[in-house]
Amino acid sequence: MKGKIGGLVVLLLGLLLVAGGLVLKFAVLPALAVWPDDVDSTRTYEGTLVTMLNPEALAAGDLANLFLADVPVTVDRHVTTLEVDGNKALVEEQVQAKGPDGQPIPGLDATYWYTIDRKTTEAIPNFTDNPGVDDNRQGLVIGFPIGTEKRDYEGWSDDLQRLQTTEFVGVEEHEGISTYHFTSESAPAPLLDPVLLEMFPKSMPKFAVQALAPQLGLSPELMAQFAQLLPLLPDPIPFTYLYEYATEYWVEPTTGMLIDYTKDESRILAIQVDPSIVSIGMVPVGSVFHLIYEQSDQSIADAKKDAEDGKGTISLFGTIIPFAAIGVGALLALGGAYLMARKREEEAAL
């Protein structure tokens, strides 16, 4: 009788271990594989502000210093989880650009708030009382999901106020780690972000535009065309703006960690023209903002460490512990069943 009870205990213990492993694998791990509730990280990017309309000089009417040019910049991106509610999260992103003297560059500081699905990192309707969340956003807004897949994603562009495709390029060894490489880009298209549009003048008197044109870096041919077009335009001249960009991402897929990132973006002044004068109805004049930047070496190293730490946790709870529990549990269950069967045979032989 004792042998049968012992076999039953071993069998039940084995079944419990198997069940526990399955719960870890298919219930606990998916619950952990979400945007963390304690994110508080800073990534730094380095690059060059090729050109930028200086808002302080513009406000002062200082046409001689209207543009900043070829300024080395450092961009800090601080991301924090502010609030979670089940599978929903409120995330804050603070962006600050500094010049070589360490002083902030006017007009380049911004704070954004996103409400996201913690599994997909896609935008969801605002579930908080934070009025800064833009409910127009869709798709990816703050990063790639844990378990990033080999496929294209749709991401949100604040500048264009629309979804843009982020294309999967392939699997690449990058900065000493296996990554998924993605790209996203847009040809010049209307700039629609109301916050960014506030950085630039809506119109200018003709005399000011004449003074401004040589600073836009136009070729002699374009300057000649501009001189011919100028008398045909209203005074003041209304402006519109275009946006174009090219971005590359290298993502560690298990964790969704962004290992490296480069971006080349421009905001372009354009003049809306009567179609009877110019058939296309819009004439691009020149860049009023052009920034090229990439992730710093230190931030790449930090991202690699975070990815390795995250992969270790996912591997521990998603593979090592569950499979060990299932393996040991299966052996115990088989052993318990064997003990019970042998005890029955012994009893039958008596």
Protein backbone atom coordinates (compact mmCIF):
# COMPACT_ATOMS: atom_id res chain seq x y z
CA MET A 1 0.00 0.00 0.00
CA LYS A 2 2.83 2.36 0.87
CA GLY A 3 4.46 1.77 -2.53
CA LYS A 4 1.22 2.62 -4.31
CA ILE A 5 0.80 5.85 -2.30
CA GLY A 6 4.43 6.78 -2.93
CA GLY A 7 3.99 6.21 -6.67
CA LEU A 8 0.84 8.33 -6.66
CA VAL A 9 2.64 11.18 -4.87
CA VAL A 10 5.50 11.05 -7.38
CA LEU A 11 3.02 10.95 -10.29
CA LEU A 12 1.06 13.95 -8.96
CA LEU A 13 4.27 15.90 -8.29
CA GLY A 14 5.40 15.22 -11.85
CA LEU A 15 2.07 16.34 -13.29
CA LEU A 16 2.22 19.51 -11.17
CA LEU A 17 5.69 20.32 -12.50
CA VAL A 18 4.54 19.76 -16.10
CA ALA A 19 1.51 22.00 -15.52
CA GLY A 20 3.68 24.64 -13.86
CA GLY A 21 6.08 24.64 -16.81
CA LEU A 22 3.22 25.02 -19.25
CA VAL A 23 1.75 27.89 -17.20
CA LEU A 24 5.13 29.66 -17.16
CA LYS A 25 5.55 29.18 -20.91
CA PHE A 26 2.08 30.09 -22.10
CA ALA A 27 0.62 32.31 -19.35
CA VAL A 28 3.32 33.94 -17.21
CA LEU A 29 5.79 34.74 -20.00
CA PRO A 30 3.21 36.43 -22.28
CA ALA A 31 2.13 38.53 -19.30
CA LEU A 32 5.76 39.59 -18.77
CA ALA A 33 6.47 40.20 -22.48
CA VAL A 34 4.94 43.68 -22.53
CA TRP A 35 6.15 47.28 -22.41
CA PRO A 36 7.59 47.54 -18.85
CA ASP A 37 5.88 49.66 -16.21
CA ASP A 38 9.22 51.05 -14.99
CA VAL A 39 10.84 52.36 -18.20
CA ASP A 40 13.08 55.36 -17.45
CA SER A 41 15.82 55.49 -20.05
CA THR A 42 17.80 58.07 -21.99
CA ARG A 43 19.35 57.54 -25.41
CA THR A 44 21.73 60.07 -26.94
CA TYR A 45 22.13 60.85 -30.64
CA GLU A 46 24.89 62.81 -32.34
CA GLY A 47 24.81 64.62 -35.64
CA THR A 48 24.82 67.87 -37.57
CA LEU A 49 22.21 70.57 -37.88
CA VAL A 50 22.95 71.29 -41.53
CA THR A 51 20.59 74.26 -41.58
CA MET A 52 17.79 75.68 -39.45
CA LEU A 53 15.71 78.83 -39.51
CA ASN A 54 16.67 80.60 -36.28
CA PRO A 55 13.43 81.51 -34.45
CA GLU A 56 15.16 84.13 -32.29
CA ALA A 57 16.65 85.94 -35.31
CA LEU A 58 13.31 85.66 -37.12
CA ALA A 59 11.46 87.26 -34.21
CA ALA A 60 14.03 90.08 -34.09
CA GLY A 61 13.96 90.65 -37.85
CA ASP A 62 17.68 89.85 -38.00
CA LEU A 63 17.91 88.64 -41.61
CA ALA A 64 21.71 88.48 -41.51
CA ASN A 65 21.58 85.70 -38.88
CA LEU A 66 18.36 84.05 -39.96
CA PHE A 67 19.91 80.60 -40.35
CA LEU A 68 22.01 78.34 -38.18
CA ALA A 69 24.34 76.23 -40.35
CA ASP A 70 26.54 73.17 -39.86
CA VAL A 71 26.11 73.08 -36.09
CA PRO A 72 27.24 69.88 -34.28
CA VAL A 73 24.33 68.71 -32.13
CA THR A 74 23.61 66.21 -29.39
CA VAL A 75 20.02 65.02 -29.03
CA ASP A 76 18.84 63.41 -25.78
CA ARG A 77 15.69 61.28 -25.89
CA HIS A 78 14.30 60.48 -22.42
CA VAL A 79 11.47 57.92 -22.35
CA THR A 80 9.43 57.23 -19.19
CA THR A 81 6.42 55.06 -18.40
CA LEU A 82 4.09 57.35 -16.44
CA GLU A 83 1.05 55.14 -15.94
CA VAL A 84 -0.17 51.61 -16.66
CA ASP A 85 -3.64 50.10 -16.62
CA GLY A 86 -3.54 46.40 -17.43
CA ASN A 87 -2.33 46.14 -21.03
CA LYS A 88 -2.35 49.92 -21.54
CA ALA A 89 0.45 52.40 -20.83
CA LEU A 90 0.97 56.15 -20.86
CA VAL A 91 4.51 56.95 -22.05
CA GLU A 92 6.31 60.30 -22.05
CA GLU A 93 9.10 61.19 -24.46
CA GLN A 94 11.23 64.29 -23.83
CA VAL A 95 13.55 65.43 -26.64
CA GLN A 96 16.25 68.05 -26.18
CA ALA A 97 18.91 69.15 -28.67
CA LYS A 98 22.09 70.93 -27.58
CA GLY A 99 24.81 72.67 -29.51
CA PRO A 100 28.58 72.16 -29.06
CA ASP A 101 28.55 74.55 -26.10
CA GLY A 102 26.02 72.36 -24.29
CA GLN A 103 23.29 75.00 -24.54
CA PRO A 104 19.80 74.05 -25.82
CA ILE A 105 19.08 74.96 -29.44
CA PRO A 106 15.93 77.16 -29.55
CA GLY A 107 12.93 75.45 -31.10
CA LEU A 108 14.26 71.89 -30.82
CA ASP A 109 12.92 70.95 -27.38
CA ALA A 110 9.72 68.91 -27.38
CA THR A 111 7.67 66.65 -25.11
CA TYR A 112 5.31 63.98 -26.44
CA TRP A 113 2.84 61.69 -24.69
CA TYR A 114 1.65 58.37 -26.10
CA THR A 115 -0.97 55.90 -24.96
CA ILE A 116 0.02 52.46 -26.22
CA ASP A 117 -0.89 48.79 -26.20
CA ARG A 118 1.86 47.28 -24.05
CA LYS A 119 2.07 44.13 -26.23
CA THR A 120 2.19 45.73 -29.68
CA THR A 121 3.50 49.25 -28.75
CA GLU A 122 0.85 50.61 -31.13
CA ALA A 123 -1.15 53.72 -30.35
CA ILE A 124 -4.50 53.30 -28.59
CA PRO A 125 -7.17 55.88 -27.58
CA ASN A 126 -6.24 58.05 -24.62
CA PHE A 127 -7.32 56.26 -21.43
CA THR A 128 -5.82 58.91 -19.11
CA ASP A 129 -6.63 62.49 -18.14
CA ASN A 130 -3.42 63.72 -19.83
CA PRO A 131 -4.55 66.31 -22.42
CA GLY A 132 -1.26 66.10 -24.33
CA VAL A 133 -1.99 62.71 -25.91
CA ASP A 134 -2.74 62.98 -29.63
CA ASP A 135 -5.62 60.61 -30.40
CA ASN A 136 -4.95 60.87 -34.14
CA ARG A 137 -1.91 58.63 -33.87
CA GLN A 138 -1.99 55.08 -35.18
CA GLY A 139 0.47 52.20 -35.55
CA LEU A 140 3.89 52.12 -33.88
CA VAL A 141 4.65 55.36 -32.03
CA ILE A 142 7.42 54.73 -29.50
CA GLY A 143 9.35 51.61 -30.54
CA PHE A 144 9.15 48.03 -31.72
CA PRO A 145 7.28 45.29 -29.81
CA ILE A 146 8.84 42.50 -27.79
CA GLY A 147 9.08 39.63 -30.26
CA THR A 148 9.58 41.85 -33.32
CA GLU A 149 8.74 39.90 -36.48
CA LYS A 150 10.35 39.67 -39.93
CA ARG A 151 7.74 41.84 -41.62
CA ASP A 152 6.85 45.41 -42.48
CA TYR A 153 5.26 47.59 -39.79
CA GLU A 154 3.15 50.72 -39.97
CA GLY A 155 4.47 53.63 -37.91
CA TRP A 156 3.10 57.09 -37.23
CA SER A 157 4.72 60.27 -38.56
CA ASP A 158 3.81 63.36 -36.51
CA ASP A 159 5.18 65.62 -39.24
CA LEU A 160 3.02 64.08 -41.97
CA GLN A 161 0.13 63.16 -39.64
CA ARG A 162 -0.22 59.76 -41.28
CA LEU A 163 0.99 56.17 -41.18
CA GLN A 164 4.29 55.41 -42.90
CA THR A 165 5.51 51.93 -43.78
CA THR A 166 8.61 50.71 -41.97
CA GLU A 167 10.06 48.06 -44.27
CA PHE A 168 11.84 44.91 -43.11
CA VAL A 169 15.20 44.71 -44.91
CA GLY A 170 16.68 41.55 -43.42
CA VAL A 171 18.58 39.92 -40.57
CA GLU A 172 21.96 41.59 -39.99
CA GLU A 173 24.87 41.32 -37.60
CA HIS A 174 25.13 44.92 -36.41
CA GLU A 175 27.35 46.31 -33.66
CA GLY A 176 28.22 42.74 -32.67
CA ILE A 177 24.62 41.59 -32.19
CA SER A 178 22.03 39.88 -34.42
CA THR A 179 19.40 42.42 -35.42
CA TYR A 180 16.47 42.97 -37.74
CA HIS A 181 17.16 45.88 -40.09
CA PHE A 182 14.26 48.19 -41.01
CA THR A 183 14.02 51.36 -43.10
CA SER A 184 11.40 54.06 -43.55
CA GLU A 185 11.37 57.10 -45.81
CA SER A 186 9.19 59.68 -47.50
CA ALA A 187 9.68 61.99 -50.46
CA PRO A 188 8.73 65.65 -49.81
CA ALA A 189 5.10 65.80 -48.63
CA PRO A 190 3.04 68.50 -46.87
CA LEU A 191 4.11 69.16 -43.28
CA LEU A 192 0.92 68.95 -41.20
CA ASP A 193 2.01 68.87 -37.55
CA PRO A 194 0.49 72.06 -36.05
CA VAL A 195 3.15 72.27 -33.32
CA LEU A 196 6.02 72.15 -35.81
CA LEU A 197 4.32 74.57 -38.17
CA GLU A 198 4.37 77.15 -35.38
CA MET A 199 8.18 77.20 -35.70
CA PHE A 200 8.02 78.71 -39.17
CA PRO A 201 6.54 81.95 -40.58
CA LYS A 202 3.23 81.67 -42.42
CA SER A 203 4.17 84.45 -44.84
CA MET A 204 6.75 87.18 -45.51
CA PRO A 205 6.84 90.48 -47.39
CA LYS A 206 8.43 90.28 -50.82
CA PHE A 207 11.46 92.35 -49.82
CA ALA A 208 12.19 89.92 -46.94
CA VAL A 209 11.84 86.91 -49.23
CA GLN A 210 14.27 88.50 -51.69
CA ALA A 211 16.77 88.89 -48.86
CA LEU A 212 16.08 85.37 -47.61
CA ALA A 213 16.50 83.55 -50.94
CA PRO A 214 20.33 83.74 -51.17
CA GLN A 215 20.61 82.11 -47.72
CA LEU A 216 18.63 79.04 -48.82
CA GLY A 217 21.54 77.69 -50.85
CA LEU A 218 19.74 77.82 -54.19
CA SER A 219 21.69 77.09 -57.35
CA PRO A 220 22.15 79.97 -59.85
CA GLU A 221 19.52 78.37 -62.11
CA LEU A 222 16.95 78.23 -59.29
CA MET A 223 17.79 81.77 -58.23
CA ALA A 224 17.10 82.94 -61.79
CA GLN A 225 13.75 81.10 -61.84
CA PHE A 226 12.89 82.50 -58.42
CA ALA A 227 13.63 86.07 -59.61
CA GLN A 228 11.26 85.56 -62.56
CA LEU A 229 8.54 84.13 -60.32
CA LEU A 230 8.74 86.77 -57.57
CA PRO A 231 6.92 89.62 -59.40
CA LEU A 232 3.96 87.31 -60.07
CA LEU A 233 3.37 86.50 -56.40
CA PRO A 234 1.15 88.31 -53.87
CA ASP A 235 2.63 90.52 -51.19
CA PRO A 236 3.09 89.22 -48.51
CA ILE A 237 3.98 85.81 -49.96
CA PRO A 238 2.16 82.90 -48.24
CA PHE A 239 4.33 79.92 -47.33
CA THR A 240 3.70 76.22 -47.06
CA TYR A 241 6.13 73.55 -45.85
CA LEU A 242 7.13 70.05 -46.90
CA TYR A 243 8.77 67.24 -44.97
CA GLU A 244 11.05 64.44 -46.14
CA TYR A 245 13.08 61.88 -44.22
CA ALA A 246 15.05 58.64 -44.41
CA THR A 247 15.45 56.46 -41.30
CA GLU A 248 17.21 53.19 -40.53
CA TYR A 249 16.56 50.99 -37.49
CA TRP A 250 18.46 47.97 -36.16
CA VAL A 251 16.30 46.05 -33.67
CA GLU A 252 17.10 43.13 -31.37
CA PRO A 253 13.98 41.06 -32.13
CA THR A 254 13.52 39.07 -28.90
CA THR A 255 13.23 42.21 -26.78
CA GLY A 256 12.28 44.78 -29.46
CA MET A 257 15.22 46.87 -28.24
CA LEU A 258 16.39 49.55 -30.69
CA ILE A 259 20.14 48.90 -30.92
CA ASP A 260 21.02 51.57 -33.47
CA TYR A 261 19.21 54.31 -35.37
CA THR A 262 20.03 56.92 -38.02
CA LYS A 263 17.88 59.68 -39.47
CA ASP A 264 18.17 62.34 -42.18
CA GLU A 265 15.21 64.74 -42.11
CA SER A 266 14.36 68.03 -43.81
CA ARG A 267 11.58 70.59 -43.61
CA ILE A 268 11.37 72.56 -46.81
CA LEU A 269 9.89 76.00 -47.44
CA ALA A 270 7.61 76.04 -50.49
CA ILE A 271 5.50 78.72 -52.15
CA GLN A 272 1.95 78.00 -53.15
CA VAL A 273 1.54 79.36 -56.68
CA ASP A 274 -1.51 79.91 -58.83
CA PRO A 275 -1.67 76.88 -61.18
CA SER A 276 -2.13 79.26 -64.08
CA ILE A 277 1.42 80.51 -63.37
CA VAL A 278 3.10 77.20 -62.49
CA SER A 279 1.29 74.00 -63.39
CA ILE A 280 2.38 72.07 -60.27
CA GLY A 281 0.87 74.75 -58.01
CA MET A 282 3.74 74.56 -55.50
CA VAL A 283 7.38 75.57 -55.78
CA PRO A 284 9.91 74.18 -53.26
CA VAL A 285 12.32 76.97 -52.38
CA GLY A 286 14.81 75.49 -49.91
CA SER A 287 15.38 73.75 -46.57
CA VAL A 288 14.54 75.67 -43.41
CA PHE A 289 15.50 72.67 -41.29
CA HIS A 290 17.89 69.83 -42.13
CA LEU A 291 19.18 67.51 -39.42
CA ILE A 292 21.30 64.36 -39.79
CA TYR A 293 21.95 62.25 -36.69
CA GLU A 294 22.69 58.76 -35.40
CA GLN A 295 22.76 56.92 -32.09
CA SER A 296 25.89 57.54 -30.02
CA ASP A 297 28.38 54.76 -29.27
CA GLN A 298 27.52 54.88 -25.55
CA SER A 299 23.79 54.57 -26.25
CA ILE A 300 24.45 51.63 -28.59
CA ALA A 301 26.41 49.94 -25.79
CA ASP A 302 23.58 50.68 -23.30
CA ALA A 303 20.97 49.30 -25.72
CA LYS A 304 23.00 46.12 -26.27
CA LYS A 305 23.28 45.56 -22.52
CA ASP A 306 19.55 46.16 -22.01
CA ALA A 307 18.80 43.74 -24.85
CA GLU A 308 21.06 41.04 -23.41
CA ASP A 309 19.51 41.47 -19.95
CA GLY A 310 16.03 41.30 -21.42
CA LYS A 311 16.85 38.24 -23.51
CA GLY A 312 18.19 36.54 -20.37
CA THR A 313 14.92 37.13 -18.51
CA ILE A 314 12.82 35.98 -21.47
CA SER A 315 15.00 32.91 -21.94
CA LEU A 316 14.87 32.07 -18.22
CA PHE A 317 11.07 32.24 -17.94
CA GLY A 318 10.25 31.28 -21.52
CA THR A 319 12.64 28.38 -22.11
CA ILE A 320 14.96 27.27 -19.29
CA ILE A 321 12.59 27.04 -16.31
CA PRO A 322 9.49 25.85 -18.25
CA PHE A 323 11.35 23.16 -20.22
CA ALA A 324 13.25 22.03 -17.11
CA ALA A 325 9.98 21.80 -15.15
CA ILE A 326 8.26 19.95 -18.00
CA GLY A 327 11.21 17.56 -18.45
CA VAL A 328 11.63 16.76 -14.76
CA GLY A 329 7.86 16.57 -14.30
CA ALA A 330 7.50 14.12 -17.18
CA LEU A 331 10.21 11.90 -15.73
CA LEU A 332 8.61 11.99 -12.29
CA ALA A 333 5.18 11.25 -13.75
CA LEU A 334 6.55 8.27 -15.66
CA GLY A 335 8.40 7.09 -12.55
CA GLY A 336 5.29 7.43 -10.40
CA ALA A 337 3.17 5.57 -12.95
CA TYR A 338 5.82 2.84 -13.10
CA LEU A 339 5.89 2.49 -9.29
CA MET A 340 2.10 2.24 -9.14
CA ALA A 341 1.98 -0.33 -11.95
CA ARG A 342 4.69 -2.47 -10.33
CA LYS A 343 2.87 -2.35 -6.99
CA ARG A 344 -0.32 -3.56 -8.66
CA GLU A 345 1.59 -6.43 -10.28
CA GLU A 346 3.07 -7.40 -6.90
CA GLU A 347 -0.36 -7.36 -5.27
CA ALA A 348 -1.83 -9.45 -8.09
CA ALA A 349 0.92 -12.04 -7.69
CA LEU A 350 0.11 -12.59 -3.98
